[in-house]
């Protein structure tokens, strides 16, 4: 299943349930699709001279598989991917 990071699992009754991924922020809080997060460290934007500053609020994140496990749109910069270790849940 591309783009989603979850699994289908059978519970004790034989019913299918979706198991969420356990992507955590810098404080260890579990993140979910649609959360609002805040950047905790200045981040250089690869291929640009732009920088995402500390305390930048990012709304409506989407969790994905891979090293950079958050897809988002950052105001003034645009669409990009972040690592969950550099954000905290707002």
PDB file of N, CA and C in Angstrom:
ATOM      1  N   UNK A   1       0.855  -1.171   0.000  1.00  0.00           N
ATOM      2  CA  UNK A   1       0.000   0.000   0.000  1.00  0.00           C
ATOM      3  C   UNK A   1       0.902   1.236   0.000  1.00  0.00           C
ATOM      4  N   UNK A   2       0.916   1.962  -1.058  1.00  0.00           N
ATOM      5  CA  UNK A   2       1.803   3.099  -1.224  1.00  0.00           C
ATOM      6  C   UNK A   2       1.232   4.359  -0.564  1.00  0.00           C
ATOM      7  N   UNK A   3       2.098   5.126   0.104  1.00  0.00           N
ATOM      8  CA  UNK A   3       1.694   6.395   0.687  1.00  0.00           C
ATOM      9  C   UNK A   3       1.120   6.306   2.080  1.00  0.00           C
ATOM     10  N   UNK A   4       0.604   5.169   2.464  1.00  0.00           N
ATOM     11  CA  UNK A   4       0.047   5.003   3.804  1.00  0.00           C
ATOM     12  C   UNK A   4       1.001   4.133   4.594  1.00  0.00           C
ATOM     13  N   UNK A   5       1.074   4.364   5.888  1.00  0.00           N
ATOM     14  CA  UNK A   5       1.955   3.570   6.704  1.00  0.00           C
ATOM     15  C   UNK A   5       1.153   2.922   7.802  1.00  0.00           C
ATOM     16  N   UNK A   6       0.405   1.933   7.415  1.00  0.00           N
ATOM     17  CA  UNK A   6      -0.413   1.208   8.372  1.00  0.00           C
ATOM     18  C   UNK A   6      -0.551  -0.225   7.883  1.00  0.00           C
ATOM     19  N   UNK A   7      -1.029  -1.081   8.745  1.00  0.00           N
ATOM     20  CA  UNK A   7      -1.183  -2.485   8.404  1.00  0.00           C
ATOM     21  C   UNK A   7      -2.590  -2.926   8.723  1.00  0.00           C
ATOM     22  N   UNK A   8      -3.025  -3.967   8.008  1.00  0.00           N
ATOM     23  CA  UNK A   8      -4.301  -4.588   8.343  1.00  0.00           C
ATOM     24  C   UNK A   8      -3.988  -5.785   9.221  1.00  0.00           C
ATOM     25  N   UNK A   9      -4.643  -5.863  10.388  1.00  0.00           N
ATOM     26  CA  UNK A   9      -4.367  -6.907  11.363  1.00  0.00           C
ATOM     27  C   UNK A   9      -5.682  -7.529  11.802  1.00  0.00           C
ATOM     28  N   UNK A  10      -5.690  -8.856  11.985  1.00  0.00           N
ATOM     29  CA  UNK A  10      -6.875  -9.525  12.516  1.00  0.00           C
ATOM     30  C   UNK A  10      -6.841  -9.464  14.034  1.00  0.00           C
ATOM     31  N   UNK A  11      -7.955  -9.046  14.636  1.00  0.00           N
ATOM     32  CA  UNK A  11      -8.027  -9.049  16.098  1.00  0.00           C
ATOM     33  C   UNK A  11      -8.508 -10.418  16.580  1.00  0.00           C
ATOM     34  N   UNK A  12      -8.711 -10.596  17.872  1.00  0.00           N
ATOM     35  CA  UNK A  12      -9.076 -11.885  18.459  1.00  0.00           C
ATOM     36  C   UNK A  12     -10.383 -12.443  17.908  1.00  0.00           C
ATOM     37  N   UNK A  13     -11.303 -11.571  17.497  1.00  0.00           N
ATOM     38  CA  UNK A  13     -12.592 -12.019  16.977  1.00  0.00           C
ATOM     39  C   UNK A  13     -12.529 -12.341  15.483  1.00  0.00           C
ATOM     40  N   UNK A  14     -11.373 -12.168  14.854  1.00  0.00           N
ATOM     41  CA  UNK A  14     -11.239 -12.447  13.434  1.00  0.00           C
ATOM     42  C   UNK A  14     -11.613 -11.269  12.550  1.00  0.00           C
ATOM     43  N   UNK A  15     -11.902 -10.129  13.150  1.00  0.00           N
ATOM     44  CA  UNK A  15     -12.242  -8.932  12.385  1.00  0.00           C
ATOM     45  C   UNK A  15     -10.967  -8.181  12.016  1.00  0.00           C
ATOM     46  N   UNK A  16     -10.998  -7.547  10.865  1.00  0.00           N
ATOM     47  CA  UNK A  16      -9.839  -6.779  10.413  1.00  0.00           C
ATOM     48  C   UNK A  16      -9.882  -5.404  11.071  1.00  0.00           C
ATOM     49  N   UNK A  17      -8.726  -4.979  11.581  1.00  0.00           N
ATOM     50  CA  UNK A  17      -8.599  -3.626  12.115  1.00  0.00           C
ATOM     51  C   UNK A  17      -7.318  -3.026  11.554  1.00  0.00           C
ATOM     52  N   UNK A  18      -7.290  -1.721  11.436  1.00  0.00           N
ATOM     53  CA  UNK A  18      -6.104  -1.059  10.906  1.00  0.00           C
ATOM     54  C   UNK A  18      -5.196  -0.693  12.066  1.00  0.00           C
ATOM     55  N   UNK A  19      -3.911  -1.024  11.935  1.00  0.00           N
ATOM     56  CA  UNK A  19      -2.944  -0.711  12.982  1.00  0.00           C
ATOM     57  C   UNK A  19      -2.127   0.498  12.555  1.00  0.00           C
ATOM     58  N   UNK A  20      -2.131   1.529  13.366  1.00  0.00           N
ATOM     59  CA  UNK A  20      -1.440   2.772  13.042  1.00  0.00           C
ATOM     60  C   UNK A  20       0.067   2.629  13.251  1.00  0.00           C
ATOM     61  N   UNK A  21       0.831   3.436  12.526  1.00  0.00           N
ATOM     62  CA  UNK A  21       2.273   3.465  12.722  1.00  0.00           C
ATOM     63  C   UNK A  21       2.567   4.239  14.011  1.00  0.00           C
ATOM     64  N   UNK A  22       3.733   4.054  14.531  1.00  0.00           N
ATOM     65  CA  UNK A  22       4.118   4.740  15.760  1.00  0.00           C
ATOM     66  C   UNK A  22       5.226   5.740  15.476  1.00  0.00           C
ATOM     67  N   UNK A  23       4.923   6.744  14.676  1.00  0.00           N
ATOM     68  CA  UNK A  23       5.882   7.810  14.404  1.00  0.00           C
ATOM     69  C   UNK A  23       5.768   8.804  15.544  1.00  0.00           C
ATOM     70  N   UNK A  24       6.913   9.099  16.172  1.00  0.00           N
ATOM     71  CA  UNK A  24       6.913   9.970  17.355  1.00  0.00           C
ATOM     72  C   UNK A  24       7.690  11.247  17.079  1.00  0.00           C
ATOM     73  N   UNK A  25       7.285  12.326  17.782  1.00  0.00           N
ATOM     74  CA  UNK A  25       7.966  13.605  17.643  1.00  0.00           C
ATOM     75  C   UNK A  25       9.209  13.644  18.533  1.00  0.00           C
ATOM     76  N   UNK A  26       9.837  14.807  18.635  1.00  0.00           N
ATOM     77  CA  UNK A  26      11.063  14.969  19.412  1.00  0.00           C
ATOM     78  C   UNK A  26      10.845  14.677  20.895  1.00  0.00           C
ATOM     79  N   UNK A  27       9.616  14.813  21.391  1.00  0.00           N
ATOM     80  CA  UNK A  27       9.312  14.564  22.802  1.00  0.00           C
ATOM     81  C   UNK A  27       8.766  13.162  23.049  1.00  0.00           C
ATOM     82  N   UNK A  28       8.636  12.360  22.009  1.00  0.00           N
ATOM     83  CA  UNK A  28       8.124  11.008  22.165  1.00  0.00           C
ATOM     84  C   UNK A  28       6.618  10.890  22.054  1.00  0.00           C
ATOM     85  N   UNK A  29       5.926  11.952  21.667  1.00  0.00           N
ATOM     86  CA  UNK A  29       4.476  11.939  21.482  1.00  0.00           C
ATOM     87  C   UNK A  29       4.155  11.335  20.116  1.00  0.00           C
ATOM     88  N   UNK A  30       3.191  10.428  20.069  1.00  0.00           N
ATOM     89  CA  UNK A  30       2.805   9.794  18.808  1.00  0.00           C
ATOM     90  C   UNK A  30       2.109  10.813  17.913  1.00  0.00           C
ATOM     91  N   UNK A  31       2.517  10.846  16.634  1.00  0.00           N
ATOM     92  CA  UNK A  31       1.927  11.762  15.655  1.00  0.00           C
ATOM     93  C   UNK A  31       0.901  11.029  14.803  1.00  0.00           C
ATOM     94  N   UNK A  32      -0.090  11.767  14.318  1.00  0.00           N
ATOM     95  CA  UNK A  32      -1.133  11.236  13.445  1.00  0.00           C
ATOM     96  C   UNK A  32      -1.300  12.154  12.233  1.00  0.00           C
ATOM     97  N   UNK A  33      -1.863  11.609  11.150  1.00  0.00           N
ATOM     98  CA  UNK A  33      -2.182  12.436   9.978  1.00  0.00           C
ATOM     99  C   UNK A  33      -3.076  13.589  10.417  1.00  0.00           C
ATOM    100  N   UNK A  34      -2.812  14.790   9.904  1.00  0.00           N
ATOM    101  CA  UNK A  34      -3.643  15.947  10.190  1.00  0.00           C
ATOM    102  C   UNK A  34      -3.217  16.742  11.411  1.00  0.00           C
ATOM    103  N   UNK A  35      -2.228  16.270  12.151  1.00  0.00           N
ATOM    104  CA  UNK A  35      -1.760  16.994  13.339  1.00  0.00           C
ATOM    105  C   UNK A  35      -1.104  18.312  12.963  1.00  0.00           C
ATOM    106  N   UNK A  36      -1.010  19.197  13.950  1.00  0.00           N
ATOM    107  CA  UNK A  36      -0.263  20.439  13.818  1.00  0.00           C
ATOM    108  C   UNK A  36       1.021  20.262  14.624  1.00  0.00           C
ATOM    109  N   UNK A  37       2.168  20.564  13.995  1.00  0.00           N
ATOM    110  CA  UNK A  37       3.450  20.425  14.670  1.00  0.00           C
ATOM    111  C   UNK A  37       4.221  21.736  14.595  1.00  0.00           C
ATOM    112  N   UNK A  38       5.241  21.854  15.459  1.00  0.00           N
ATOM    113  CA  UNK A  38       6.102  23.024  15.501  1.00  0.00           C
ATOM    114  C   UNK A  38       7.540  22.552  15.315  1.00  0.00           C
ATOM    115  N   UNK A  39       8.299  23.236  14.465  1.00  0.00           N
ATOM    116  CA  UNK A  39       9.695  22.892  14.209  1.00  0.00           C
ATOM    117  C   UNK A  39      10.529  23.278  15.434  1.00  0.00           C
ATOM    118  N   UNK A  40      11.430  22.376  15.884  1.00  0.00           N
ATOM    119  CA  UNK A  40      12.211  22.617  17.096  1.00  0.00           C
ATOM    120  C   UNK A  40      13.665  23.003  16.813  1.00  0.00           C
ATOM    121  N   UNK A  41      14.052  23.057  15.538  1.00  0.00           N
ATOM    122  CA  UNK A  41      15.431  23.375  15.171  1.00  0.00           C
ATOM    123  C   UNK A  41      15.426  24.061  13.814  1.00  0.00           C
ATOM    124  N   UNK A  42      16.300  25.056  13.612  1.00  0.00           N
ATOM    125  CA  UNK A  42      16.442  25.661  12.287  1.00  0.00           C
ATOM    126  C   UNK A  42      16.856  24.584  11.296  1.00  0.00           C
ATOM    127  N   UNK A  43      16.136  24.498  10.175  1.00  0.00           N
ATOM    128  CA  UNK A  43      16.413  23.471   9.172  1.00  0.00           C
ATOM    129  C   UNK A  43      16.707  24.118   7.828  1.00  0.00           C
ATOM    130  N   UNK A  44      17.857  23.801   7.248  1.00  0.00           N
ATOM    131  CA  UNK A  44      18.194  24.294   5.916  1.00  0.00           C
ATOM    132  C   UNK A  44      17.373  23.527   4.897  1.00  0.00           C
ATOM    133  N   UNK A  45      16.869  24.231   3.882  1.00  0.00           N
ATOM    134  CA  UNK A  45      16.108  23.598   2.820  1.00  0.00           C
ATOM    135  C   UNK A  45      17.096  23.177   1.742  1.00  0.00           C
ATOM    136  N   UNK A  46      17.144  21.881   1.478  1.00  0.00           N
ATOM    137  CA  UNK A  46      18.099  21.327   0.523  1.00  0.00           C
ATOM    138  C   UNK A  46      17.854  21.921  -0.870  1.00  0.00           C
ATOM    139  N   UNK A  47      18.926  22.376  -1.509  1.00  0.00           N
ATOM    140  CA  UNK A  47      18.827  22.935  -2.850  1.00  0.00           C
ATOM    141  C   UNK A  47      18.362  24.375  -2.881  1.00  0.00           C
ATOM    142  N   UNK A  48      18.342  25.028  -1.727  1.00  0.00           N
ATOM    143  CA  UNK A  48      17.862  26.404  -1.640  1.00  0.00           C
ATOM    144  C   UNK A  48      18.637  27.124  -0.546  1.00  0.00           C
ATOM    145  N   UNK A  49      18.549  28.440  -0.539  1.00  0.00           N
ATOM    146  CA  UNK A  49      19.179  29.204   0.538  1.00  0.00           C
ATOM    147  C   UNK A  49      18.180  29.482   1.659  1.00  0.00           C
ATOM    148  N   UNK A  50      16.976  28.942   1.552  1.00  0.00           N
ATOM    149  CA  UNK A  50      15.934  29.146   2.563  1.00  0.00           C
ATOM    150  C   UNK A  50      16.212  28.328   3.816  1.00  0.00           C
ATOM    151  N   UNK A  51      15.653  28.795   4.927  1.00  0.00           N
ATOM    152  CA  UNK A  51      15.763  28.099   6.202  1.00  0.00           C
ATOM    153  C   UNK A  51      14.384  28.065   6.845  1.00  0.00           C
ATOM    154  N   UNK A  52      14.003  26.897   7.364  1.00  0.00           N
ATOM    155  CA  UNK A  52      12.778  26.780   8.157  1.00  0.00           C
ATOM    156  C   UNK A  52      13.181  27.093   9.592  1.00  0.00           C
ATOM    157  N   UNK A  53      12.646  28.172  10.141  1.00  0.00           N
ATOM    158  CA  UNK A  53      13.050  28.658  11.459  1.00  0.00           C
ATOM    159  C   UNK A  53      12.387  27.881  12.597  1.00  0.00           C
ATOM    160  N   UNK A  54      13.035  27.908  13.759  1.00  0.00           N
ATOM    161  CA  UNK A  54      12.474  27.330  14.981  1.00  0.00           C
ATOM    162  C   UNK A  54      11.116  27.972  15.243  1.00  0.00           C
ATOM    163  N   UNK A  55      10.182  27.220  15.781  1.00  0.00           N
ATOM    164  CA  UNK A  55       8.826  27.658  16.130  1.00  0.00           C
ATOM    165  C   UNK A  55       7.920  27.888  14.921  1.00  0.00           C
ATOM    166  N   UNK A  56       8.330  27.441  13.725  1.00  0.00           N
ATOM    167  CA  UNK A  56       7.446  27.499  12.565  1.00  0.00           C
ATOM    168  C   UNK A  56       6.345  26.470  12.759  1.00  0.00           C
ATOM    169  N   UNK A  57       5.092  26.898  12.665  1.00  0.00           N
ATOM    170  CA  UNK A  57       3.956  25.999  12.841  1.00  0.00           C
ATOM    171  C   UNK A  57       3.592  25.391  11.494  1.00  0.00           C
ATOM    172  N   UNK A  58       3.448  24.069  11.482  1.00  0.00           N
ATOM    173  CA  UNK A  58       3.110  23.333  10.268  1.00  0.00           C
ATOM    174  C   UNK A  58       1.789  22.618  10.513  1.00  0.00           C
ATOM    175  N   UNK A  59       0.777  22.933   9.702  1.00  0.00           N
ATOM    176  CA  UNK A  59      -0.560  22.364   9.887  1.00  0.00           C
ATOM    177  C   UNK A  59      -0.792  21.202   8.936  1.00  0.00           C
ATOM    178  N   UNK A  60      -1.673  20.306   9.341  1.00  0.00           N
ATOM    179  CA  UNK A  60      -2.173  19.225   8.499  1.00  0.00           C
ATOM    180  C   UNK A  60      -1.062  18.362   7.897  1.00  0.00           C
ATOM    181  N   UNK A  61      -0.238  17.780   8.774  1.00  0.00           N
ATOM    182  CA  UNK A  61       0.844  16.922   8.297  1.00  0.00           C
ATOM    183  C   UNK A  61       0.299  15.598   7.785  1.00  0.00           C
ATOM    184  N   UNK A  62       1.101  14.926   6.968  1.00  0.00           N
ATOM    185  CA  UNK A  62       0.744  13.595   6.481  1.00  0.00           C
ATOM    186  C   UNK A  62       1.929  12.670   6.732  1.00  0.00           C
ATOM    187  N   UNK A  63       1.691  11.563   7.399  1.00  0.00           N
ATOM    188  CA  UNK A  63       2.747  10.612   7.723  1.00  0.00           C
ATOM    189  C   UNK A  63       2.968   9.662   6.549  1.00  0.00           C
ATOM    190  N   UNK A  64       4.235   9.429   6.235  1.00  0.00           N
ATOM    191  CA  UNK A  64       4.614   8.560   5.127  1.00  0.00           C
ATOM    192  C   UNK A  64       5.763   7.654   5.560  1.00  0.00           C
ATOM    193  N   UNK A  65       6.038   6.635   4.757  1.00  0.00           N
ATOM    194  CA  UNK A  65       7.168   5.753   5.021  1.00  0.00           C
ATOM    195  C   UNK A  65       8.452   6.428   4.563  1.00  0.00           C
ATOM    196  N   UNK A  66       9.561   6.051   5.184  1.00  0.00           N
ATOM    197  CA  UNK A  66      10.857   6.536   4.741  1.00  0.00           C
ATOM    198  C   UNK A  66      11.595   7.296   5.819  1.00  0.00           C
ATOM    199  N   UNK A  67      12.779   7.764   5.454  1.00  0.00           N
ATOM    200  CA  UNK A  67      13.638   8.495   6.376  1.00  0.00           C
ATOM    201  C   UNK A  67      12.997   9.817   6.791  1.00  0.00           C
ATOM    202  N   UNK A  68      12.496  10.564   5.823  1.00  0.00           N
ATOM    203  CA  UNK A  68      11.756  11.795   6.095  1.00  0.00           C
ATOM    204  C   UNK A  68      10.291  11.386   6.119  1.00  0.00           C
ATOM    205  N   UNK A  69       9.734  11.194   7.314  1.00  0.00           N
ATOM    206  CA  UNK A  69       8.435  10.541   7.443  1.00  0.00           C
ATOM    207  C   UNK A  69       7.245  11.491   7.602  1.00  0.00           C
ATOM    208  N   UNK A  70       7.427  12.771   7.309  1.00  0.00           N
ATOM    209  CA  UNK A  70       6.320  13.737   7.348  1.00  0.00           C
ATOM    210  C   UNK A  70       6.291  14.509   6.030  1.00  0.00           C
ATOM    211  N   UNK A  71       5.158  14.488   5.336  1.00  0.00           N
ATOM    212  CA  UNK A  71       4.927  15.354   4.182  1.00  0.00           C
ATOM    213  C   UNK A  71       4.107  16.533   4.664  1.00  0.00           C
ATOM    214  N   UNK A  72       4.454  17.745   4.226  1.00  0.00           N
ATOM    215  CA  UNK A  72       3.718  18.918   4.688  1.00  0.00           C
ATOM    216  C   UNK A  72       3.947  20.086   3.737  1.00  0.00           C
ATOM    217  N   UNK A  73       3.190  21.146   3.962  1.00  0.00           N
ATOM    218  CA  UNK A  73       3.392  22.410   3.252  1.00  0.00           C
ATOM    219  C   UNK A  73       3.751  23.448   4.301  1.00  0.00           C
ATOM    220  N   UNK A  74       4.890  24.092   4.111  1.00  0.00           N
ATOM    221  CA  UNK A  74       5.353  25.096   5.063  1.00  0.00           C
ATOM    222  C   UNK A  74       5.088  26.476   4.475  1.00  0.00           C
ATOM    223  N   UNK A  75       4.409  27.335   5.253  1.00  0.00           N
ATOM    224  CA  UNK A  75       4.090  28.680   4.760  1.00  0.00           C
ATOM    225  C   UNK A  75       5.349  29.424   4.304  1.00  0.00           C
ATOM    226  N   UNK A  76       5.302  29.984   3.102  1.00  0.00           N
ATOM    227  CA  UNK A  76       6.419  30.753   2.571  1.00  0.00           C
ATOM    228  C   UNK A  76       7.484  29.913   1.892  1.00  0.00           C
ATOM    229  N   UNK A  77       7.411  28.580   2.033  1.00  0.00           N
ATOM    230  CA  UNK A  77       8.417  27.704   1.427  1.00  0.00           C
ATOM    231  C   UNK A  77       7.766  26.724   0.464  1.00  0.00           C
ATOM    232  N   UNK A  78       6.687  26.084   0.874  1.00  0.00           N
ATOM    233  CA  UNK A  78       5.986  25.146   0.008  1.00  0.00           C
ATOM    234  C   UNK A  78       6.038  23.720   0.516  1.00  0.00           C
ATOM    235  N   UNK A  79       5.771  22.781  -0.379  1.00  0.00           N
ATOM    236  CA  UNK A  79       5.717  21.372  -0.014  1.00  0.00           C
ATOM    237  C   UNK A  79       7.115  20.846   0.263  1.00  0.00           C
ATOM    238  N   UNK A  80       7.242  20.085   1.337  1.00  0.00           N
ATOM    239  CA  UNK A  80       8.515  19.455   1.658  1.00  0.00           C
ATOM    240  C   UNK A  80       8.318  18.291   2.612  1.00  0.00           C
ATOM    241  N   UNK A  81       9.391  17.560   2.859  1.00  0.00           N
ATOM    242  CA  UNK A  81       9.371  16.444   3.787  1.00  0.00           C
ATOM    243  C   UNK A  81      10.249  16.776   4.978  1.00  0.00           C
ATOM    244  N   UNK A  82       9.812  16.341   6.163  1.00  0.00           N
ATOM    245  CA  UNK A  82      10.560  16.573   7.395  1.00  0.00           C
ATOM    246  C   UNK A  82      10.782  15.248   8.115  1.00  0.00           C
ATOM    247  N   UNK A  83      11.782  15.224   8.969  1.00  0.00           N
ATOM    248  CA  UNK A  83      11.977  14.092   9.871  1.00  0.00           C
ATOM    249  C   UNK A  83      11.221  14.398  11.151  1.00  0.00           C
ATOM    250  N   UNK A  84      10.564  13.401  11.697  1.00  0.00           N
ATOM    251  CA  UNK A  84       9.743  13.601  12.897  1.00  0.00           C
ATOM    252  C   UNK A  84      10.588  14.014  14.104  1.00  0.00           C
ATOM    253  N   UNK A  85      11.860  13.731  14.108  1.00  0.00           N
ATOM    254  CA  UNK A  85      12.712  14.076  15.245  1.00  0.00           C
ATOM    255  C   UNK A  85      12.955  15.584  15.368  1.00  0.00           C
ATOM    256  N   UNK A  86      12.599  16.359  14.334  1.00  0.00           N
ATOM    257  CA  UNK A  86      12.810  17.806  14.362  1.00  0.00           C
ATOM    258  C   UNK A  86      11.530  18.597  14.574  1.00  0.00           C
ATOM    259  N   UNK A  87      10.448  17.937  14.983  1.00  0.00           N
ATOM    260  CA  UNK A  87       9.186  18.615  15.254  1.00  0.00           C
ATOM    261  C   UNK A  87       8.623  18.149  16.593  1.00  0.00           C
ATOM    262  N   UNK A  88       7.718  18.958  17.140  1.00  0.00           N
ATOM    263  CA  UNK A  88       6.953  18.546  18.315  1.00  0.00           C
ATOM    264  C   UNK A  88       5.504  18.856  18.060  1.00  0.00           C
ATOM    265  N   UNK A  89       4.624  18.040  18.643  1.00  0.00           N
ATOM    266  CA  UNK A  89       3.193  18.217  18.456  1.00  0.00           C
ATOM    267  C   UNK A  89       2.746  19.502  19.140  1.00  0.00           C
ATOM    268  N   UNK A  90       1.947  20.298  18.447  1.00  0.00           N
ATOM    269  CA  UNK A  90       1.495  21.590  19.001  1.00  0.00           C
ATOM    270  C   UNK A  90       0.295  21.397  19.909  1.00  0.00           C
TER     271      UNK A  90
END
